[in-house]
Amino acid sequence: MNPSSSDTPQFEIARFLRRLQWAAAALGVLTLMWLLAPILTPFVVAALLGWLGDPLVDRLERRGLSRALAVTLVFASMVLVLVLALVLLVPMIERQIVTLAQSLPTLQAWAFEVAIPWVETRTGISLGSWTDPQRLVLLLREHWQQAGGMASSFFGYVSRSGFTLIAWALNLVLVPFLTFYFLRDWDKLVARVGLLVPRDYVATATRLAQESSDVLGAFMRGQFLVMLAQGAFYAVFMSVVGLRLGLLIGMIAGLISFVPYLGATVGLLLGVVAAFLQPDGGLTLALLVVAVFTAGQLLESYVLTPRIVGDRIGLHPVAIIFAIMAGGQLFGFLGMLVALPVAAVANVLLRYANERYSESHLYGGEPKTILLDPYMDREVVVVEGRRDTPAQ
């Protein structure tokens, strides 16, 4: 019996070379992303906004509107929501920053009179001498060469930071324009990408793309609503219990709550410190802040996330934290921005790989057929054309 073409050494070598080509292409794309990360951020943000707005544009098109009019309405709605948020939040944030600036002397006194002595008493480490201005001047004189090098590095960093701020400003200006074009041409971009898929894999690629889109949609919309709800809950109720910086701390906790437990932990620490530093605060106010964050975590765990996000994403909190840290380490802010969407898509691909593995011969073993031998009155097991008789 001649071996099939798929069993020949030439076929195995060709398959290995194809896989090697795909791996090299993936490595090249990742390298290019790493090199272009500083300028890719506005494009990624705009693409995410365009992807989020495209279903609404398609819905308006089905109601009889033209693509251009539907895109204009959706884009105008996005801009209006952003403007309203700025108009409502900027004055409140400004007042909170003024309150924080007025509290800085109290914070400084608490650090030098309470925090540092407490640490020195518990650890035996002398920290007060390091905050003495005369000692700092003496150290600067003794190590003036190293200080000069550090100063030049610091000013170089400041100058680079200035250019970074300019780049951020340009990116903010670019995002609205790019978002409009992504909204307008999203269906064309998807169609062109679909044409690049090999015809034998169109069905599989379509299925995986649809599942990834559903998971990403559930995650992006759901997580945004959860962050908004948590931030509003913390800000409102900490202000209600009497914390003057409650609005600012609540917004910070809500913004970073996409990392599991990080928003609540940071917000709780900031809230407790602010409660003790507030002139009319103290232990009672700190306990009320703890109660607010406890209620917020219960609300998020048992109401918000199950009802808004659900279990369609299937990402464990440890996987989310790892994805964010790995993305930030590899690609900076761009990596942190796309870490969770990439992790959600990777989860879909892993589920598909597990499905294929569970159906493979490697997992299930060789197919077996059990026949009854009419002459020997015993079972005969046929394994891939081989006839075996079980021992009696």
Protein backbone atom coordinates (compact mmCIF):
# COMPACT_ATOMS: atom_id res chain seq x y z
CA MET A 1 0.00 0.00 0.00
CA ASN A 2 1.52 3.28 -1.10
CA PRO A 3 1.72 5.99 1.55
CA SER A 4 -0.50 8.99 1.01
CA SER A 5 1.00 12.28 -0.04
CA SER A 6 0.41 13.68 3.46
CA ASP A 7 2.71 11.02 4.94
CA THR A 8 5.73 11.63 2.73
CA PRO A 9 8.84 13.34 4.09
CA GLN A 10 8.50 16.05 1.43
CA PHE A 11 5.05 16.96 2.72
CA GLU A 12 6.27 17.14 6.31
CA ILE A 13 9.17 19.38 5.28
CA ALA A 14 6.84 21.67 3.30
CA ARG A 15 4.44 21.92 6.24
CA PHE A 16 7.30 22.75 8.60
CA LEU A 17 8.52 25.48 6.24
CA ARG A 18 5.03 26.99 6.02
CA ARG A 19 4.78 27.10 9.80
CA LEU A 20 8.24 28.62 9.96
CA GLN A 21 7.16 31.32 7.49
CA TRP A 22 4.07 32.14 9.59
CA ALA A 23 6.18 32.32 12.75
CA ALA A 24 8.68 34.64 11.02
CA ALA A 25 5.82 36.85 9.79
CA ALA A 26 4.33 37.05 13.30
CA LEU A 27 7.74 37.90 14.76
CA GLY A 28 8.20 40.61 12.14
CA VAL A 29 4.80 42.14 12.95
CA LEU A 30 5.57 42.18 16.68
CA THR A 31 8.96 43.77 16.06
CA LEU A 32 7.40 46.42 13.85
CA MET A 33 4.76 47.15 16.52
CA TRP A 34 7.50 47.52 19.14
CA LEU A 35 9.42 49.97 16.95
CA LEU A 36 6.34 51.99 15.97
CA ALA A 37 4.61 51.89 19.38
CA PRO A 38 4.96 55.67 20.04
CA ILE A 39 3.04 56.58 16.88
CA LEU A 40 0.59 53.67 16.82
CA THR A 41 -1.33 54.73 19.93
CA PRO A 42 -3.76 57.21 18.27
CA PHE A 43 -4.45 54.71 15.47
CA VAL A 44 -5.23 51.94 17.97
CA VAL A 45 -7.49 54.22 20.02
CA ALA A 46 -9.30 55.42 16.90
CA ALA A 47 -9.67 51.86 15.61
CA LEU A 48 -11.22 50.77 18.93
CA LEU A 49 -13.63 53.70 18.86
CA GLY A 50 -14.50 52.98 15.23
CA TRP A 51 -15.10 49.31 16.03
CA LEU A 52 -17.32 50.23 18.99
CA GLY A 53 -19.36 52.68 16.92
CA ASP A 54 -19.73 50.56 13.79
CA PRO A 55 -22.68 48.43 15.08
CA LEU A 56 -24.67 51.61 15.74
CA VAL A 57 -23.80 52.93 12.28
CA ASP A 58 -24.96 49.66 10.71
CA ARG A 59 -28.20 49.83 12.70
CA LEU A 60 -28.89 53.35 11.44
CA GLU A 61 -28.14 52.19 7.88
CA ARG A 62 -30.72 49.40 8.21
CA ARG A 63 -33.26 52.05 9.18
CA GLY A 64 -32.75 53.75 5.83
CA LEU A 65 -30.02 56.33 6.52
CA SER A 66 -27.04 56.69 4.24
CA ARG A 67 -23.62 55.59 5.48
CA ALA A 68 -22.30 59.15 5.51
CA LEU A 69 -25.26 60.47 7.53
CA ALA A 70 -25.13 57.54 9.98
CA VAL A 71 -21.39 58.04 10.53
CA THR A 72 -21.91 61.77 11.06
CA LEU A 73 -24.63 61.18 13.67
CA VAL A 74 -22.62 58.58 15.59
CA PHE A 75 -19.44 60.66 15.49
CA ALA A 76 -21.33 63.79 16.63
CA SER A 77 -22.84 61.79 19.50
CA MET A 78 -19.37 60.66 20.61
CA VAL A 79 -18.06 64.22 20.53
CA LEU A 80 -21.13 65.51 22.40
CA VAL A 81 -20.70 62.93 25.17
CA LEU A 82 -17.02 63.85 25.51
CA VAL A 83 -17.77 67.59 25.63
CA LEU A 84 -20.52 67.13 28.23
CA ALA A 85 -18.21 65.00 30.36
CA LEU A 86 -15.50 67.68 30.20
CA VAL A 87 -17.94 70.50 30.97
CA LEU A 88 -19.34 68.66 33.98
CA LEU A 89 -16.17 67.10 35.35
CA VAL A 90 -13.46 69.72 34.78
CA PRO A 91 -14.89 72.29 37.27
CA MET A 92 -15.37 69.59 39.91
CA ILE A 93 -11.87 68.22 39.38
CA GLU A 94 -10.45 71.75 39.58
CA ARG A 95 -12.12 72.27 42.96
CA GLN A 96 -10.79 68.94 44.18
CA ILE A 97 -7.25 69.85 43.10
CA VAL A 98 -7.52 73.18 44.95
CA THR A 99 -8.66 71.29 48.04
CA LEU A 100 -5.73 68.90 47.67
CA ALA A 101 -3.28 71.81 47.35
CA GLN A 102 -4.68 73.36 50.50
CA SER A 103 -4.20 70.05 52.30
CA LEU A 104 -0.53 69.70 51.35
CA PRO A 105 0.78 71.54 54.47
CA THR A 106 -1.29 69.22 56.64
CA LEU A 107 0.03 66.23 54.70
CA GLN A 108 3.62 67.44 55.16
CA ALA A 109 3.14 67.94 58.89
CA TRP A 110 1.56 64.49 59.22
CA ALA A 111 4.42 62.86 57.32
CA PHE A 112 7.14 64.49 59.47
CA GLU A 113 5.35 64.37 62.82
CA VAL A 114 3.43 61.09 62.63
CA ALA A 115 4.40 58.80 59.75
CA ILE A 116 8.19 59.08 59.89
CA PRO A 117 8.42 58.77 63.73
CA TRP A 118 6.08 55.75 63.60
CA VAL A 119 8.26 54.02 60.99
CA GLU A 120 11.43 54.85 62.93
CA THR A 121 9.94 53.41 66.13
CA ARG A 122 8.79 50.18 64.49
CA THR A 123 11.84 49.53 62.28
CA GLY A 124 14.72 51.26 64.04
CA ILE A 125 15.69 53.01 60.78
CA SER A 126 16.51 56.71 61.09
CA LEU A 127 14.59 58.59 58.44
CA GLY A 128 14.50 62.02 60.05
CA SER A 129 18.17 62.73 59.29
CA TRP A 130 17.57 62.16 55.59
CA THR A 131 14.92 64.89 55.55
CA ASP A 132 17.19 67.44 57.25
CA PRO A 133 18.04 70.19 54.67
CA GLN A 134 21.55 70.70 56.10
CA ARG A 135 22.34 67.00 55.75
CA LEU A 136 21.07 67.03 52.17
CA VAL A 137 23.30 70.00 51.32
CA LEU A 138 26.30 68.23 52.89
CA LEU A 139 25.63 65.08 50.87
CA LEU A 140 25.33 67.18 47.73
CA ARG A 141 28.75 68.74 48.37
CA GLU A 142 30.37 65.37 49.03
CA HIS A 143 28.95 63.80 45.87
CA TRP A 144 28.77 66.79 43.58
CA GLN A 145 30.09 64.89 40.54
CA GLN A 146 27.46 62.21 40.80
CA ALA A 147 24.87 64.88 41.51
CA GLY A 148 25.93 66.76 38.38
CA GLY A 149 25.51 63.62 36.30
CA MET A 150 22.11 62.95 37.85
CA ALA A 151 21.09 66.56 37.23
CA SER A 152 22.02 66.37 33.56
CA SER A 153 20.10 63.11 33.25
CA PHE A 154 17.13 64.67 35.03
CA PHE A 155 17.04 67.72 32.77
CA GLY A 156 17.46 65.49 29.75
CA TYR A 157 14.47 63.48 30.93
CA VAL A 158 12.49 66.69 31.45
CA SER A 159 13.30 67.84 27.93
CA ARG A 160 12.30 64.46 26.53
CA SER A 161 9.14 64.63 28.61
CA GLY A 162 8.36 67.99 27.02
CA PHE A 163 8.57 66.41 23.58
CA THR A 164 6.47 63.53 24.89
CA LEU A 165 3.78 65.99 26.01
CA ILE A 166 3.82 67.59 22.56
CA ALA A 167 3.45 64.14 21.00
CA TRP A 168 0.51 63.39 23.32
CA ALA A 169 -1.15 66.65 22.32
CA LEU A 170 -0.74 65.80 18.64
CA ASN A 171 -2.15 62.33 19.28
CA LEU A 172 -5.22 63.82 20.97
CA VAL A 173 -5.79 66.01 17.93
CA LEU A 174 -5.36 63.04 15.57
CA VAL A 175 -7.77 60.69 17.37
CA PRO A 176 -11.04 62.42 16.33
CA PHE A 177 -10.04 62.59 12.65
CA LEU A 178 -8.86 58.98 12.60
CA THR A 179 -12.01 57.84 14.40
CA PHE A 180 -14.22 59.46 11.77
CA TYR A 181 -12.36 57.71 8.93
CA PHE A 182 -12.44 54.36 10.71
CA LEU A 183 -16.19 54.72 11.25
CA ARG A 184 -16.74 55.62 7.60
CA ASP A 185 -14.61 52.83 6.10
CA TRP A 186 -14.90 50.09 8.72
CA ASP A 187 -16.94 47.69 6.56
CA LYS A 188 -14.53 48.17 3.64
CA LEU A 189 -11.53 47.43 5.86
CA VAL A 190 -13.16 44.26 7.19
CA ALA A 191 -14.00 43.12 3.65
CA ARG A 192 -10.43 43.69 2.46
CA VAL A 193 -9.01 41.75 5.37
CA GLY A 194 -11.48 38.95 4.63
CA LEU A 195 -10.21 38.71 1.07
CA LEU A 196 -6.71 37.94 2.38
CA VAL A 197 -7.87 34.81 4.23
CA PRO A 198 -7.16 31.54 2.33
CA ARG A 199 -10.41 30.21 0.88
CA ASP A 200 -10.11 26.85 2.66
CA TYR A 201 -10.13 28.62 6.02
CA VAL A 202 -12.83 31.24 5.42
CA ALA A 203 -15.48 29.44 7.49
CA THR A 204 -13.15 28.92 10.47
CA ALA A 205 -11.76 32.46 10.26
CA THR A 206 -15.29 33.91 10.07
CA ARG A 207 -16.40 31.94 13.11
CA LEU A 208 -13.37 32.93 15.18
CA ALA A 209 -13.67 36.58 14.10
CA GLN A 210 -17.33 36.65 15.09
CA GLU A 211 -16.63 35.07 18.48
CA SER A 212 -13.74 37.47 19.07
CA SER A 213 -15.91 40.44 18.14
CA ASP A 214 -18.66 39.29 20.52
CA VAL A 215 -16.19 38.77 23.36
CA LEU A 216 -14.48 42.11 22.73
CA GLY A 217 -17.81 43.90 22.52
CA ALA A 218 -19.00 42.38 25.78
CA PHE A 219 -15.71 43.25 27.45
CA MET A 220 -15.20 46.80 26.16
CA ARG A 221 -18.76 48.02 26.66
CA GLY A 222 -19.30 46.09 29.87
CA GLN A 223 -15.99 47.03 31.47
CA PHE A 224 -16.47 50.69 30.57
CA LEU A 225 -19.89 50.72 32.24
CA VAL A 226 -18.52 48.92 35.30
CA MET A 227 -15.65 51.44 35.62
CA LEU A 228 -18.10 54.34 35.23
CA ALA A 229 -20.52 52.90 37.78
CA GLN A 230 -17.79 52.13 40.30
CA GLY A 231 -16.20 55.56 39.97
CA ALA A 232 -19.57 57.28 40.39
CA PHE A 233 -20.45 55.09 43.40
CA TYR A 234 -17.16 55.77 45.18
CA ALA A 235 -17.21 59.51 44.37
CA VAL A 236 -20.83 60.09 45.44
CA PHE A 237 -20.84 58.08 48.64
CA MET A 238 -17.41 59.25 49.85
CA SER A 239 -18.63 62.81 49.35
CA VAL A 240 -21.84 61.92 51.20
CA VAL A 241 -19.94 60.58 54.23
CA GLY A 242 -18.00 63.85 54.36
CA LEU A 243 -14.66 63.18 52.62
CA ARG A 244 -13.62 66.42 50.89
CA LEU A 245 -11.42 64.66 48.33
CA GLY A 246 -14.04 61.98 47.72
CA LEU A 247 -14.78 62.99 44.13
CA LEU A 248 -11.13 62.95 43.04
CA ILE A 249 -10.30 59.69 44.83
CA GLY A 250 -13.46 58.04 43.50
CA MET A 251 -12.63 58.99 39.93
CA ILE A 252 -9.07 57.66 40.29
CA ALA A 253 -10.37 54.38 41.74
CA GLY A 254 -12.90 54.04 38.93
CA LEU A 255 -10.37 54.72 36.16
CA ILE A 256 -7.91 52.07 37.32
CA SER A 257 -10.54 49.50 38.29
CA PHE A 258 -10.00 47.67 34.97
CA VAL A 259 -7.16 45.93 36.83
CA PRO A 260 -8.87 43.58 39.32
CA TYR A 261 -8.81 44.92 42.87
CA LEU A 262 -6.27 47.65 42.02
CA GLY A 263 -8.84 50.46 41.87
CA ALA A 264 -10.42 49.50 45.18
CA THR A 265 -7.04 49.03 46.90
CA VAL A 266 -5.55 52.34 45.74
CA GLY A 267 -8.79 54.22 46.39
CA LEU A 268 -9.12 52.73 49.87
CA LEU A 269 -5.57 53.68 50.85
CA LEU A 270 -5.96 57.22 49.51
CA GLY A 271 -9.37 57.58 51.15
CA VAL A 272 -8.18 56.43 54.58
CA VAL A 273 -5.16 58.75 54.50
CA ALA A 274 -7.35 61.66 53.37
CA ALA A 275 -9.82 60.89 56.16
CA PHE A 276 -7.13 61.12 58.84
CA LEU A 277 -5.62 64.28 57.33
CA GLN A 278 -8.95 66.10 57.06
CA PRO A 279 -9.33 68.60 59.93
CA ASP A 280 -12.77 67.32 60.90
CA GLY A 281 -11.93 63.72 60.03
CA GLY A 282 -10.48 60.87 62.02
CA LEU A 283 -11.18 57.24 62.77
CA THR A 284 -14.93 57.54 62.25
CA LEU A 285 -14.55 59.01 58.78
CA ALA A 286 -11.89 56.42 57.90
CA LEU A 287 -14.26 53.61 58.90
CA LEU A 288 -16.99 55.14 56.75
CA VAL A 289 -14.58 55.22 53.81
CA VAL A 290 -13.77 51.53 54.40
CA ALA A 291 -17.50 50.79 54.46
CA VAL A 292 -17.99 52.62 51.13
CA PHE A 293 -15.25 50.65 49.38
CA THR A 294 -16.47 47.37 50.87
CA ALA A 295 -19.97 48.06 49.57
CA GLY A 296 -18.51 49.08 46.20
CA GLN A 297 -16.58 45.83 45.86
CA LEU A 298 -19.66 43.78 46.78
CA LEU A 299 -21.70 45.75 44.25
CA GLU A 300 -19.08 45.14 41.54
CA SER A 301 -18.62 41.43 42.31
CA TYR A 302 -22.27 40.38 42.71
CA VAL A 303 -24.26 42.89 40.65
CA LEU A 304 -22.29 44.96 38.10
CA THR A 305 -19.88 42.43 36.60
CA PRO A 306 -22.33 39.46 36.46
CA ARG A 307 -25.12 41.56 34.92
CA ILE A 308 -23.13 43.88 32.63
CA VAL A 309 -20.02 41.92 31.65
CA GLY A 310 -21.15 38.37 32.36
CA ASP A 311 -18.98 35.29 31.98
CA ARG A 312 -18.54 35.44 28.22
CA ILE A 313 -14.98 36.73 28.44
CA GLY A 314 -13.69 33.97 30.66
CA LEU A 315 -10.52 35.81 31.71
CA HIS A 316 -9.23 35.02 35.17
CA PRO A 317 -8.12 38.05 37.25
CA VAL A 318 -4.56 36.67 37.29
CA ALA A 319 -4.60 36.47 33.48
CA ILE A 320 -5.83 40.08 33.27
CA ILE A 321 -3.08 41.35 35.58
CA PHE A 322 -0.43 39.38 33.67
CA ALA A 323 -1.71 40.65 30.30
CA ILE A 324 -1.57 44.28 31.42
CA MET A 325 1.90 43.96 32.95
CA ALA A 326 3.27 42.04 29.96
CA GLY A 327 1.78 44.51 27.48
CA GLY A 328 3.23 47.46 29.36
CA GLN A 329 6.65 45.82 29.60
CA LEU A 330 6.80 44.93 25.91
CA PHE A 331 5.11 47.88 24.21
CA GLY A 332 4.65 50.59 26.87
CA PHE A 333 1.34 52.45 26.98
CA LEU A 334 0.28 50.93 23.65
CA GLY A 335 0.76 47.46 25.11
CA MET A 336 -1.34 48.29 28.16
CA LEU A 337 -4.01 49.72 25.86
CA VAL A 338 -4.35 46.59 23.74
CA ALA A 339 -3.45 44.02 26.42
CA LEU A 340 -6.98 43.11 27.45
CA PRO A 341 -8.47 43.01 23.92
CA VAL A 342 -5.56 40.82 22.79
CA ALA A 343 -6.02 38.59 25.85
CA ALA A 344 -9.74 38.24 25.10
CA VAL A 345 -9.05 37.24 21.48
CA ALA A 346 -6.29 34.86 22.63
CA ASN A 347 -8.81 33.26 24.98
CA VAL A 348 -11.14 32.61 22.02
CA LEU A 349 -8.27 31.06 20.05
CA LEU A 350 -7.26 28.89 23.00
CA ARG A 351 -10.82 27.62 23.36
CA TYR A 352 -10.81 26.73 19.66
CA ALA A 353 -7.43 25.00 20.00
CA ASN A 354 -8.73 23.02 22.98
CA GLU A 355 -11.79 22.04 20.96
CA ARG A 356 -9.62 20.77 18.11
CA TYR A 357 -7.33 18.96 20.56
CA SER A 358 -10.24 17.18 22.27
CA GLU A 359 -11.35 15.89 18.82
CA SER A 360 -7.88 14.76 17.76
CA HIS A 361 -6.41 11.24 17.77
CA LEU A 362 -3.74 12.45 20.18
CA TYR A 363 -6.38 13.05 22.85
CA GLY A 364 -8.90 10.31 22.04
CA GLY A 365 -6.50 7.62 20.88
CA GLU A 366 -6.75 5.45 17.80
CA PRO A 367 -10.27 4.78 16.50
CA LYS A 368 -11.47 1.27 17.37
CA THR A 369 -14.24 -0.84 15.88
CA ILE A 370 -15.62 -3.82 17.84
CA LEU A 371 -16.96 -6.70 15.72
CA LEU A 372 -18.34 -10.09 16.67
CA ASP A 373 -16.58 -13.07 15.11
CA PRO A 374 -19.41 -15.46 14.13
CA TYR A 375 -17.06 -18.48 14.01
CA MET A 376 -15.07 -17.96 17.22
CA ASP A 377 -17.96 -16.46 19.25
CA ARG A 378 -15.77 -13.70 20.64
CA GLU A 379 -15.24 -9.98 20.15
CA VAL A 380 -12.67 -8.80 17.63
CA VAL A 381 -11.20 -5.29 17.88
CA VAL A 382 -10.20 -3.68 14.60
CA VAL A 383 -7.72 -0.79 15.02
CA GLU A 384 -7.02 1.08 11.77
CA GLY A 385 -7.36 -2.04 9.67
CA ARG A 386 -5.47 -4.29 12.15
CA ARG A 387 -7.42 -7.27 13.53
CA ASP A 388 -6.84 -8.06 17.25
CA THR A 389 -8.59 -10.70 19.34
CA PRO A 390 -8.89 -9.99 23.07
CA ALA A 391 -7.37 -12.60 25.30
CA GLN A 392 -9.76 -14.94 27.03
